[in-house]
């Protein structure tokens, strides 16, 4: 490994690390208002919804929206496991295994 590559790697690590860690360090020193904290609790749900809907809804070649049947079928047992166990690990594992099985057999 050359010194140039090493310093590029260190620079990339810093550029990745600083924007992710710096907000946590700064926010730790500040007491945030309750409405803002409540708003922050909705962010994981919004991100998950965006990820799921992006996979469930597909744009056809004609510009219409279609439902990804495979993803819809995989989401059913995943949602059931999520409500039943309330465990992120079991939910993710169920979704991955279900999607793998559907792609294998469909």
Foldseek 3Di string as FASTA:
>chain_A
DDPVVVVVVVVVCCVVPCVVCVVVVVVVVDDDDPVVVVVVVCVVVVVVVVVLVVQQWDQDPVRDIDGDVLSVVLVVVLVVCCVVVVDPVVSVVSSVVSSVVSVVPD
